[in-house]
Amino acid sequence: MATVKFNFEDKSIEPVLAENVESGYSILEVTEDHGVHLNHNCGEVCACSTCHIYVESGGEFLEEISDKEEDFIDRAINPRIESRLGCQSIILKDDAVIEVTIPDQKEIIGHEH
């Protein structure tokens, strides 16, 4: 089973380690299953940039970025080379080890859960 470590730009939030994650799930779905806050306005259909994340390591275990996803990342707050959308970052292997950083969510008007 895959492992995903969530770090946060907001240093008041402690890192979260999500273990026993099945391949085929998106990083956004993993956040929801493990109580990690990540905005997502469009309902996971790659139509906004509110689930923007930074993939610090393990990007090779995620589905390749599409042109559409790249277009929406350009609209995100502070995009970087390691930027992805959580809804489009599908885990490909059960033995994946992935580390992501969640940008500060306070500046994003979006879905709260």
N, C-alpha and C. Protein backbone atom coordinates (compact mmCIF):
# COMPACT_ATOMS: atom_id res chain seq x y z
N MET A 1 0.84 -1.19 0.00
CA MET A 1 0.00 0.00 0.00
C MET A 1 0.88 1.25 0.00
N ALA A 2 0.40 2.30 -0.63
CA ALA A 2 1.14 3.55 -0.77
C ALA A 2 1.14 4.35 0.53
N THR A 3 2.12 5.25 0.61
CA THR A 3 2.23 6.17 1.73
C THR A 3 2.33 7.58 1.18
N VAL A 4 1.56 8.49 1.77
CA VAL A 4 1.62 9.90 1.37
C VAL A 4 1.83 10.74 2.62
N LYS A 5 2.90 11.54 2.60
CA LYS A 5 3.16 12.46 3.71
C LYS A 5 2.72 13.84 3.28
N PHE A 6 1.90 14.45 4.13
CA PHE A 6 1.42 15.80 3.88
C PHE A 6 2.12 16.78 4.81
N ASN A 7 2.83 17.74 4.21
CA ASN A 7 3.40 18.87 4.94
C ASN A 7 2.55 20.09 4.61
N PHE A 8 2.70 21.14 5.38
CA PHE A 8 1.85 22.31 5.21
C PHE A 8 2.68 23.58 5.23
N GLU A 9 2.38 24.51 4.30
CA GLU A 9 3.01 25.83 4.36
C GLU A 9 2.65 26.53 5.66
N ASP A 10 1.42 26.34 6.11
CA ASP A 10 0.98 26.88 7.40
C ASP A 10 1.63 26.03 8.49
N LYS A 11 2.70 26.55 9.07
CA LYS A 11 3.50 25.77 10.03
C LYS A 11 2.77 25.51 11.35
N SER A 12 1.57 26.06 11.53
CA SER A 12 0.79 25.73 12.72
C SER A 12 0.12 24.37 12.60
N ILE A 13 0.16 23.78 11.40
CA ILE A 13 -0.45 22.47 11.16
C ILE A 13 0.66 21.42 11.11
N GLU A 14 0.51 20.39 11.91
CA GLU A 14 1.50 19.30 11.97
C GLU A 14 1.39 18.43 10.71
N PRO A 15 2.52 17.88 10.24
CA PRO A 15 2.48 16.96 9.10
C PRO A 15 1.57 15.75 9.39
N VAL A 16 1.02 15.18 8.33
CA VAL A 16 0.15 14.01 8.44
C VAL A 16 0.72 12.92 7.54
N LEU A 17 0.80 11.71 8.07
CA LEU A 17 1.26 10.57 7.30
C LEU A 17 0.06 9.67 7.00
N ALA A 18 -0.26 9.54 5.73
CA ALA A 18 -1.36 8.67 5.30
C ALA A 18 -0.74 7.36 4.81
N GLU A 19 -1.06 6.28 5.50
CA GLU A 19 -0.51 4.97 5.15
C GLU A 19 -1.62 4.06 4.65
N ASN A 20 -1.23 2.97 4.03
CA ASN A 20 -2.17 1.98 3.51
C ASN A 20 -3.14 2.56 2.48
N VAL A 21 -2.60 3.41 1.61
CA VAL A 21 -3.39 4.05 0.56
C VAL A 21 -3.33 3.17 -0.69
N GLU A 22 -4.47 2.90 -1.27
CA GLU A 22 -4.54 2.07 -2.47
C GLU A 22 -4.22 2.89 -3.70
N SER A 23 -3.57 2.26 -4.68
CA SER A 23 -3.35 2.93 -5.96
C SER A 23 -4.72 3.18 -6.61
N GLY A 24 -4.75 4.15 -7.50
CA GLY A 24 -6.00 4.52 -8.16
C GLY A 24 -6.69 5.70 -7.50
N TYR A 25 -6.28 6.05 -6.28
CA TYR A 25 -6.86 7.19 -5.59
C TYR A 25 -6.08 8.45 -5.95
N SER A 26 -6.77 9.58 -5.96
CA SER A 26 -6.10 10.86 -6.17
C SER A 26 -5.58 11.38 -4.83
N ILE A 27 -4.62 12.27 -4.89
CA ILE A 27 -4.12 12.91 -3.67
C ILE A 27 -5.27 13.62 -2.95
N LEU A 28 -6.16 14.24 -3.70
CA LEU A 28 -7.32 14.90 -3.08
C LEU A 28 -8.17 13.89 -2.31
N GLU A 29 -8.42 12.73 -2.87
CA GLU A 29 -9.21 11.71 -2.17
C GLU A 29 -8.49 11.24 -0.91
N VAL A 30 -7.17 11.16 -0.97
CA VAL A 30 -6.40 10.76 0.21
C VAL A 30 -6.56 11.82 1.31
N THR A 31 -6.54 13.10 0.94
CA THR A 31 -6.73 14.15 1.96
C THR A 31 -8.08 13.99 2.65
N GLU A 32 -9.11 13.71 1.87
CA GLU A 32 -10.44 13.57 2.46
C GLU A 32 -10.53 12.36 3.38
N ASP A 33 -9.87 11.27 3.01
CA ASP A 33 -9.90 10.06 3.83
C ASP A 33 -9.08 10.17 5.11
N HIS A 34 -8.17 11.16 5.16
CA HIS A 34 -7.26 11.27 6.31
C HIS A 34 -7.39 12.60 7.05
N GLY A 35 -8.49 13.31 6.85
CA GLY A 35 -8.76 14.53 7.61
C GLY A 35 -7.82 15.68 7.33
N VAL A 36 -7.29 15.73 6.11
CA VAL A 36 -6.40 16.82 5.70
C VAL A 36 -7.21 17.83 4.90
N HIS A 37 -7.13 19.10 5.29
CA HIS A 37 -7.90 20.13 4.59
C HIS A 37 -7.23 20.51 3.27
N LEU A 38 -7.96 20.37 2.17
CA LEU A 38 -7.53 20.83 0.85
C LEU A 38 -8.78 21.29 0.11
N ASN A 39 -8.84 22.59 -0.20
CA ASN A 39 -9.99 23.12 -0.92
C ASN A 39 -10.16 22.38 -2.25
N HIS A 40 -11.42 22.34 -2.70
CA HIS A 40 -11.72 21.73 -4.00
C HIS A 40 -13.10 22.19 -4.46
N ASN A 41 -13.11 23.26 -5.24
CA ASN A 41 -14.36 23.89 -5.66
C ASN A 41 -15.09 23.17 -6.78
N CYS A 42 -14.37 22.55 -7.70
CA CYS A 42 -15.01 22.07 -8.92
C CYS A 42 -15.50 20.63 -8.83
N GLY A 43 -15.30 19.99 -7.72
CA GLY A 43 -15.77 18.61 -7.59
C GLY A 43 -14.86 17.60 -8.26
N GLU A 44 -13.57 17.88 -8.30
CA GLU A 44 -12.57 16.94 -8.80
C GLU A 44 -12.64 16.70 -10.31
N VAL A 45 -12.95 17.73 -11.09
CA VAL A 45 -13.05 17.55 -12.54
C VAL A 45 -12.07 18.42 -13.32
N CYS A 46 -11.04 18.92 -12.65
CA CYS A 46 -9.99 19.72 -13.30
C CYS A 46 -10.58 20.95 -13.97
N ALA A 47 -11.38 21.70 -13.20
CA ALA A 47 -12.00 22.92 -13.73
C ALA A 47 -11.67 24.15 -12.88
N CYS A 48 -10.73 24.01 -11.94
CA CYS A 48 -10.29 25.14 -11.13
C CYS A 48 -8.88 24.83 -10.63
N SER A 49 -8.37 25.64 -9.74
CA SER A 49 -7.02 25.38 -9.21
C SER A 49 -6.99 25.37 -7.69
N THR A 50 -8.15 25.19 -7.06
CA THR A 50 -8.20 25.28 -5.60
C THR A 50 -7.57 24.09 -4.88
N CYS A 51 -7.35 22.97 -5.55
CA CYS A 51 -6.71 21.82 -4.91
C CYS A 51 -5.22 21.74 -5.27
N HIS A 52 -4.65 22.88 -5.54
CA HIS A 52 -3.23 23.00 -5.89
C HIS A 52 -2.34 22.48 -4.77
N ILE A 53 -1.35 21.67 -5.13
CA ILE A 53 -0.38 21.12 -4.18
C ILE A 53 1.02 21.21 -4.78
N TYR A 54 2.03 20.98 -3.95
CA TYR A 54 3.40 20.84 -4.42
C TYR A 54 3.84 19.41 -4.15
N VAL A 55 4.27 18.70 -5.18
CA VAL A 55 4.77 17.34 -5.03
C VAL A 55 6.27 17.44 -4.79
N GLU A 56 6.68 17.21 -3.56
CA GLU A 56 8.08 17.35 -3.16
C GLU A 56 8.91 16.14 -3.57
N SER A 57 8.31 14.96 -3.50
CA SER A 57 8.99 13.73 -3.94
C SER A 57 7.93 12.69 -4.28
N GLY A 58 8.33 11.74 -5.12
CA GLY A 58 7.41 10.67 -5.50
C GLY A 58 6.55 10.99 -6.70
N GLY A 59 6.86 12.05 -7.42
CA GLY A 59 6.06 12.41 -8.59
C GLY A 59 6.01 11.33 -9.66
N GLU A 60 7.03 10.47 -9.67
CA GLU A 60 7.06 9.38 -10.65
C GLU A 60 5.98 8.33 -10.37
N PHE A 61 5.38 8.39 -9.18
CA PHE A 61 4.31 7.45 -8.83
C PHE A 61 2.92 8.00 -9.15
N LEU A 62 2.88 9.19 -9.77
CA LEU A 62 1.60 9.83 -10.10
C LEU A 62 1.38 9.84 -11.61
N GLU A 63 0.10 9.83 -11.99
CA GLU A 63 -0.26 9.94 -13.40
C GLU A 63 0.37 11.20 -13.98
N GLU A 64 0.76 11.15 -15.25
CA GLU A 64 1.39 12.31 -15.88
C GLU A 64 0.44 13.49 -15.93
N ILE A 65 1.04 14.67 -15.88
CA ILE A 65 0.26 15.90 -15.93
C ILE A 65 -0.29 16.09 -17.35
N SER A 66 -1.54 16.52 -17.43
CA SER A 66 -2.16 16.77 -18.73
C SER A 66 -2.04 18.25 -19.09
N ASP A 67 -2.27 18.57 -20.36
CA ASP A 67 -2.25 19.97 -20.79
C ASP A 67 -3.31 20.78 -20.06
N LYS A 68 -4.48 20.18 -19.86
CA LYS A 68 -5.56 20.87 -19.16
C LYS A 68 -5.15 21.19 -17.72
N GLU A 69 -4.55 20.22 -17.04
CA GLU A 69 -4.10 20.46 -15.67
C GLU A 69 -3.05 21.57 -15.64
N GLU A 70 -2.11 21.56 -16.57
CA GLU A 70 -1.10 22.62 -16.64
C GLU A 70 -1.74 23.99 -16.78
N ASP A 71 -2.78 24.08 -17.61
CA ASP A 71 -3.47 25.36 -17.80
C ASP A 71 -4.06 25.87 -16.49
N PHE A 72 -4.65 24.98 -15.69
CA PHE A 72 -5.24 25.41 -14.42
C PHE A 72 -4.18 25.69 -13.37
N ILE A 73 -3.07 24.98 -13.40
CA ILE A 73 -1.98 25.27 -12.45
C ILE A 73 -1.47 26.68 -12.66
N ASP A 74 -1.43 27.13 -13.92
CA ASP A 74 -0.99 28.51 -14.20
C ASP A 74 -1.86 29.54 -13.50
N ARG A 75 -3.07 29.18 -13.14
CA ARG A 75 -4.01 30.09 -12.45
C ARG A 75 -3.93 29.98 -10.94
N ALA A 76 -3.17 29.03 -10.43
CA ALA A 76 -3.06 28.81 -8.99
C ALA A 76 -2.23 29.92 -8.34
N ILE A 77 -2.35 30.03 -7.02
CA ILE A 77 -1.54 30.97 -6.26
C ILE A 77 -0.14 30.37 -6.11
N ASN A 78 0.88 31.13 -6.51
CA ASN A 78 2.29 30.73 -6.39
C ASN A 78 2.61 29.37 -7.02
N PRO A 79 2.31 29.17 -8.30
CA PRO A 79 2.67 27.90 -8.93
C PRO A 79 4.19 27.76 -9.02
N ARG A 80 4.65 26.51 -8.93
CA ARG A 80 6.08 26.19 -9.03
C ARG A 80 6.22 24.98 -9.96
N ILE A 81 7.44 24.63 -10.26
CA ILE A 81 7.69 23.50 -11.16
C ILE A 81 7.10 22.20 -10.62
N GLU A 82 7.02 22.06 -9.30
CA GLU A 82 6.49 20.84 -8.69
C GLU A 82 4.99 20.92 -8.39
N SER A 83 4.32 21.93 -8.93
CA SER A 83 2.88 22.09 -8.72
C SER A 83 2.08 21.03 -9.46
N ARG A 84 1.04 20.58 -8.80
CA ARG A 84 0.05 19.67 -9.40
C ARG A 84 -1.31 20.04 -8.82
N LEU A 85 -2.36 19.49 -9.39
CA LEU A 85 -3.69 19.58 -8.81
C LEU A 85 -3.96 18.26 -8.10
N GLY A 86 -4.41 18.34 -6.86
CA GLY A 86 -4.66 17.14 -6.08
C GLY A 86 -5.66 16.20 -6.73
N CYS A 87 -6.65 16.77 -7.41
CA CYS A 87 -7.68 15.94 -8.03
C CYS A 87 -7.18 15.16 -9.24
N GLN A 88 -6.08 15.62 -9.83
CA GLN A 88 -5.54 14.97 -11.03
C GLN A 88 -4.31 14.12 -10.73
N SER A 89 -3.84 14.15 -9.50
CA SER A 89 -2.64 13.41 -9.10
C SER A 89 -3.04 12.02 -8.63
N ILE A 90 -3.18 11.11 -9.58
CA ILE A 90 -3.64 9.75 -9.30
C ILE A 90 -2.43 8.86 -8.98
N ILE A 91 -2.51 8.15 -7.87
CA ILE A 91 -1.43 7.26 -7.44
C ILE A 91 -1.45 6.01 -8.31
N LEU A 92 -0.31 5.69 -8.92
CA LEU A 92 -0.23 4.59 -9.88
C LEU A 92 0.22 3.26 -9.29
N LYS A 93 0.95 3.28 -8.19
CA LYS A 93 1.52 2.04 -7.65
C LYS A 93 1.22 1.89 -6.17
N ASP A 94 0.96 0.65 -5.77
CA ASP A 94 0.67 0.38 -4.36
C ASP A 94 1.88 0.60 -3.45
N ASP A 95 3.10 0.54 -4.00
CA ASP A 95 4.28 0.75 -3.16
C ASP A 95 4.81 2.19 -3.25
N ALA A 96 3.99 3.11 -3.72
CA ALA A 96 4.40 4.51 -3.87
C ALA A 96 4.69 5.15 -2.50
N VAL A 97 5.70 6.01 -2.50
CA VAL A 97 6.00 6.86 -1.35
C VAL A 97 6.04 8.27 -1.90
N ILE A 98 5.11 9.10 -1.45
CA ILE A 98 4.92 10.44 -2.01
C ILE A 98 4.92 11.45 -0.87
N GLU A 99 5.54 12.59 -1.11
CA GLU A 99 5.52 13.67 -0.13
C GLU A 99 5.03 14.93 -0.83
N VAL A 100 4.01 15.55 -0.25
CA VAL A 100 3.45 16.77 -0.82
C VAL A 100 3.39 17.86 0.23
N THR A 101 3.36 19.09 -0.25
CA THR A 101 3.13 20.24 0.61
C THR A 101 1.81 20.88 0.19
N ILE A 102 0.97 21.14 1.18
CA ILE A 102 -0.30 21.83 0.94
C ILE A 102 -0.06 23.32 1.12
N PRO A 103 -0.29 24.13 0.07
CA PRO A 103 -0.15 25.57 0.23
C PRO A 103 -1.10 26.10 1.30
N ASP A 104 -0.78 27.27 1.83
CA ASP A 104 -1.63 27.90 2.83
C ASP A 104 -3.03 28.09 2.24
N GLN A 105 -4.02 27.48 2.85
CA GLN A 105 -5.39 27.49 2.32
C GLN A 105 -6.19 28.73 2.73
N LYS A 106 -5.62 29.58 3.59
CA LYS A 106 -6.37 30.74 4.09
C LYS A 106 -6.68 31.76 3.00
N GLU A 107 -5.86 31.81 1.95
CA GLU A 107 -6.07 32.79 0.88
C GLU A 107 -7.04 32.31 -0.18
N ILE A 108 -7.48 31.08 -0.08
CA ILE A 108 -8.35 30.49 -1.12
C ILE A 108 -9.79 30.49 -0.64
N ILE A 109 -10.64 31.06 -1.44
CA ILE A 109 -12.07 30.97 -1.16
C ILE A 109 -12.54 29.69 -1.81
N GLY A 110 -13.00 28.76 -0.99
CA GLY A 110 -13.35 27.48 -1.59
C GLY A 110 -14.12 26.59 -0.67
N HIS A 111 -14.33 25.39 -1.14
CA HIS A 111 -15.06 24.37 -0.43
C HIS A 111 -14.36 24.03 0.89
N GLU A 112 -15.08 24.14 1.97
CA GLU A 112 -14.54 23.78 3.29
C GLU A 112 -15.09 22.42 3.67
N HIS A 113 -14.26 21.59 4.24
CA HIS A 113 -14.75 20.29 4.72
C HIS A 113 -14.19 20.00 6.08
